[in-house]
Amino acid sequence: MHEVAICEALLGQLVALAGQHGWSRLVRVWVRLGLLSGVVPEALEFAFTALSAGTPAEGAELVLETEPGHFACAVCGELELASFDFACPLCGGPLQLLRAGRDLLLCEVEPILS
């Protein structure tokens, strides 16, 4: 489960940010996952809960947002979809993947300001 290693890196960033800005606790953390990142959201959430204990992120809400992929359907044209699929949700025809992100990006952090 590579989500554990990803979560360790994410928590490293969060601990560094908290130290730089003097934040004692974090309330919410927003992360954007590219459609082709290979990250299983549920596994990342589980790892975050388990590994954040004892860090400023302990108890923080992890908000995951999937960056949609851009697909093309010969009948319907270009579409943005949040999940990888082989059939057009509008007409059922075959889809061609045009582009989709592989990134995992820390977008925003909401600290408790004291």
C-alpha atoms as a PDB file:
ATOM      1  CA  MET A   1       0.000   0.000   0.000  1.00  0.00           C
ATOM      2  CA  HIS A   2       1.948   2.999  -1.271  1.00  0.00           C
ATOM      3  CA  GLU A   3      -0.578   5.358   0.322  1.00  0.00           C
ATOM      4  CA  VAL A   4       1.346   4.955   3.602  1.00  0.00           C
ATOM      5  CA  ALA A   5       4.537   6.340   2.030  1.00  0.00           C
ATOM      6  CA  ILE A   6       2.562   9.112   0.346  1.00  0.00           C
ATOM      7  CA  CYS A   7       0.902   9.982   3.645  1.00  0.00           C
ATOM      8  CA  GLU A   8       4.265  10.051   5.437  1.00  0.00           C
ATOM      9  CA  ALA A   9       5.528  12.581   2.876  1.00  0.00           C
ATOM     10  CA  LEU A  10       2.321  14.632   3.184  1.00  0.00           C
ATOM     11  CA  LEU A  11       2.586  14.672   6.975  1.00  0.00           C
ATOM     12  CA  GLY A  12       6.230  15.716   6.671  1.00  0.00           C
ATOM     13  CA  GLN A  13       5.112  18.737   4.650  1.00  0.00           C
ATOM     14  CA  LEU A  14       2.364  19.537   7.149  1.00  0.00           C
ATOM     15  CA  VAL A  15       4.690  19.306  10.150  1.00  0.00           C
ATOM     16  CA  ALA A  16       7.208  21.571   8.386  1.00  0.00           C
ATOM     17  CA  LEU A  17       4.484  24.122   7.535  1.00  0.00           C
ATOM     18  CA  ALA A  18       3.168  24.048  11.092  1.00  0.00           C
ATOM     19  CA  GLY A  19       6.679  24.656  12.419  1.00  0.00           C
ATOM     20  CA  GLN A  20       7.348  27.514   9.984  1.00  0.00           C
ATOM     21  CA  HIS A  21       4.098  29.294  10.817  1.00  0.00           C
ATOM     22  CA  GLY A  22       3.785  28.421  14.515  1.00  0.00           C
ATOM     23  CA  TRP A  23       0.599  26.394  14.091  1.00  0.00           C
ATOM     24  CA  SER A  24      -0.076  23.998  16.952  1.00  0.00           C
ATOM     25  CA  ARG A  25      -3.013  22.167  15.335  1.00  0.00           C
ATOM     26  CA  LEU A  26      -4.579  21.784  11.931  1.00  0.00           C
ATOM     27  CA  VAL A  27      -8.324  21.660  11.381  1.00  0.00           C
ATOM     28  CA  ARG A  28      -8.515  20.736   7.699  1.00  0.00           C
ATOM     29  CA  VAL A  29      -6.139  19.711   4.916  1.00  0.00           C
ATOM     30  CA  TRP A  30      -7.121  19.860   1.233  1.00  0.00           C
ATOM     31  CA  VAL A  31      -5.390  17.536  -1.228  1.00  0.00           C
ATOM     32  CA  ARG A  32      -6.046  17.237  -4.964  1.00  0.00           C
ATOM     33  CA  LEU A  33      -5.553  13.811  -6.537  1.00  0.00           C
ATOM     34  CA  GLY A  34      -5.003  13.455 -10.250  1.00  0.00           C
ATOM     35  CA  LEU A  35      -7.296  10.894 -11.847  1.00  0.00           C
ATOM     36  CA  LEU A  36      -4.284   8.745 -12.796  1.00  0.00           C
ATOM     37  CA  SER A  37      -2.347   9.263  -9.550  1.00  0.00           C
ATOM     38  CA  GLY A  38      -2.937   5.644  -8.572  1.00  0.00           C
ATOM     39  CA  VAL A  39      -3.914   6.712  -5.062  1.00  0.00           C
ATOM     40  CA  VAL A  40      -6.855   4.945  -3.444  1.00  0.00           C
ATOM     41  CA  PRO A  41      -8.655   7.736  -1.547  1.00  0.00           C
ATOM     42  CA  GLU A  42      -9.941   5.450   1.225  1.00  0.00           C
ATOM     43  CA  ALA A  43      -6.458   4.045   1.826  1.00  0.00           C
ATOM     44  CA  LEU A  44      -4.968   7.537   1.995  1.00  0.00           C
ATOM     45  CA  GLU A  45      -7.652   8.621   4.476  1.00  0.00           C
ATOM     46  CA  PHE A  46      -6.962   5.554   6.627  1.00  0.00           C
ATOM     47  CA  ALA A  47      -3.206   6.177   6.557  1.00  0.00           C
ATOM     48  CA  PHE A  48      -3.714   9.854   7.395  1.00  0.00           C
ATOM     49  CA  THR A  49      -5.818   9.018  10.446  1.00  0.00           C
ATOM     50  CA  ALA A  50      -3.355   6.374  11.642  1.00  0.00           C
ATOM     51  CA  LEU A  51      -0.110   8.248  10.976  1.00  0.00           C
ATOM     52  CA  SER A  52      -1.149  11.759  12.029  1.00  0.00           C
ATOM     53  CA  ALA A  53      -1.301  10.820  15.722  1.00  0.00           C
ATOM     54  CA  GLY A  54       1.092  12.997  17.689  1.00  0.00           C
ATOM     55  CA  THR A  55       1.443  15.563  14.882  1.00  0.00           C
ATOM     56  CA  PRO A  56      -0.295  18.925  14.387  1.00  0.00           C
ATOM     57  CA  ALA A  57      -2.548  17.111  11.872  1.00  0.00           C
ATOM     58  CA  GLU A  58      -3.960  14.713  14.463  1.00  0.00           C
ATOM     59  CA  GLY A  59      -7.751  14.891  14.259  1.00  0.00           C
ATOM     60  CA  ALA A  60      -7.687  17.134  11.180  1.00  0.00           C
ATOM     61  CA  GLU A  61     -10.148  16.499   8.378  1.00  0.00           C
ATOM     62  CA  LEU A  62      -8.514  15.330   5.155  1.00  0.00           C
ATOM     63  CA  VAL A  63     -10.492  16.716   2.213  1.00  0.00           C
ATOM     64  CA  LEU A  64      -9.710  14.874  -1.012  1.00  0.00           C
ATOM     65  CA  GLU A  65     -10.639  16.320  -4.365  1.00  0.00           C
ATOM     66  CA  THR A  66     -10.180  14.336  -7.580  1.00  0.00           C
ATOM     67  CA  GLU A  67      -8.856  16.307 -10.525  1.00  0.00           C
ATOM     68  CA  PRO A  68     -11.026  15.223 -13.455  1.00  0.00           C
ATOM     69  CA  GLY A  69      -9.682  13.648 -16.597  1.00  0.00           C
ATOM     70  CA  HIS A  70     -10.381  14.955 -20.072  1.00  0.00           C
ATOM     71  CA  PHE A  71     -11.893  12.406 -22.422  1.00  0.00           C
ATOM     72  CA  ALA A  72     -13.182  12.467 -25.984  1.00  0.00           C
ATOM     73  CA  CYS A  73     -16.236  10.703 -27.357  1.00  0.00           C
ATOM     74  CA  ALA A  74     -16.688  10.517 -31.128  1.00  0.00           C
ATOM     75  CA  VAL A  75     -20.388  11.338 -30.721  1.00  0.00           C
ATOM     76  CA  CYS A  76     -20.544  13.696 -27.723  1.00  0.00           C
ATOM     77  CA  GLY A  77     -17.198  15.488 -27.992  1.00  0.00           C
ATOM     78  CA  GLU A  78     -14.913  16.305 -25.076  1.00  0.00           C
ATOM     79  CA  LEU A  79     -15.945  15.446 -21.523  1.00  0.00           C
ATOM     80  CA  GLU A  80     -14.513  15.923 -18.041  1.00  0.00           C
ATOM     81  CA  LEU A  81     -14.992  12.897 -15.785  1.00  0.00           C
ATOM     82  CA  ALA A  82     -13.982  12.330 -12.174  1.00  0.00           C
ATOM     83  CA  SER A  83     -13.489   8.593 -12.692  1.00  0.00           C
ATOM     84  CA  PHE A  84     -11.738   6.595 -15.367  1.00  0.00           C
ATOM     85  CA  ASP A  85     -14.236   4.896 -17.615  1.00  0.00           C
ATOM     86  CA  PHE A  86     -14.165   3.238 -21.033  1.00  0.00           C
ATOM     87  CA  ALA A  87     -17.707   4.162 -22.086  1.00  0.00           C
ATOM     88  CA  CYS A  88     -19.266   7.594 -22.537  1.00  0.00           C
ATOM     89  CA  PRO A  89     -21.797   8.252 -19.748  1.00  0.00           C
ATOM     90  CA  LEU A  90     -24.007  10.113 -22.244  1.00  0.00           C
ATOM     91  CA  CYS A  91     -24.200   7.774 -25.228  1.00  0.00           C
ATOM     92  CA  GLY A  92     -22.344   4.605 -24.184  1.00  0.00           C
ATOM     93  CA  GLY A  93     -19.782   4.969 -26.980  1.00  0.00           C
ATOM     94  CA  PRO A  94     -16.048   4.375 -26.485  1.00  0.00           C
ATOM     95  CA  LEU A  95     -13.983   7.054 -24.779  1.00  0.00           C
ATOM     96  CA  GLN A  96     -10.458   8.160 -25.553  1.00  0.00           C
ATOM     97  CA  LEU A  97      -8.406   9.591 -22.696  1.00  0.00           C
ATOM     98  CA  LEU A  98      -6.955  12.939 -23.772  1.00  0.00           C
ATOM     99  CA  ARG A  99      -5.223  13.895 -20.550  1.00  0.00           C
ATOM    100  CA  ALA A 100      -5.421  13.277 -16.849  1.00  0.00           C
ATOM    101  CA  GLY A 101      -3.205  14.277 -13.973  1.00  0.00           C
ATOM    102  CA  ARG A 102      -0.925  11.929 -12.104  1.00  0.00           C
ATOM    103  CA  ASP A 103      -0.248  14.481  -9.382  1.00  0.00           C
ATOM    104  CA  LEU A 104      -1.018  14.595  -5.722  1.00  0.00           C
ATOM    105  CA  LEU A 105      -1.016  18.212  -4.589  1.00  0.00           C
ATOM    106  CA  LEU A 106      -1.313  19.749  -1.136  1.00  0.00           C
ATOM    107  CA  CYS A 107      -3.650  22.667  -1.909  1.00  0.00           C
ATOM    108  CA  GLU A 108      -4.630  24.280   1.354  1.00  0.00           C
ATOM    109  CA  VAL A 109      -4.274  23.960   5.114  1.00  0.00           C
ATOM    110  CA  GLU A 110      -6.605  25.394   7.738  1.00  0.00           C
ATOM    111  CA  PRO A 111      -4.817  25.784  11.062  1.00  0.00           C
ATOM    112  CA  ILE A 112      -6.193  26.608  14.472  1.00  0.00           C
ATOM    113  CA  LEU A 113      -4.868  30.087  15.076  1.00  0.00           C
ATOM    114  CA  SER A 114      -3.999  30.730  18.686  1.00  0.00           C
END
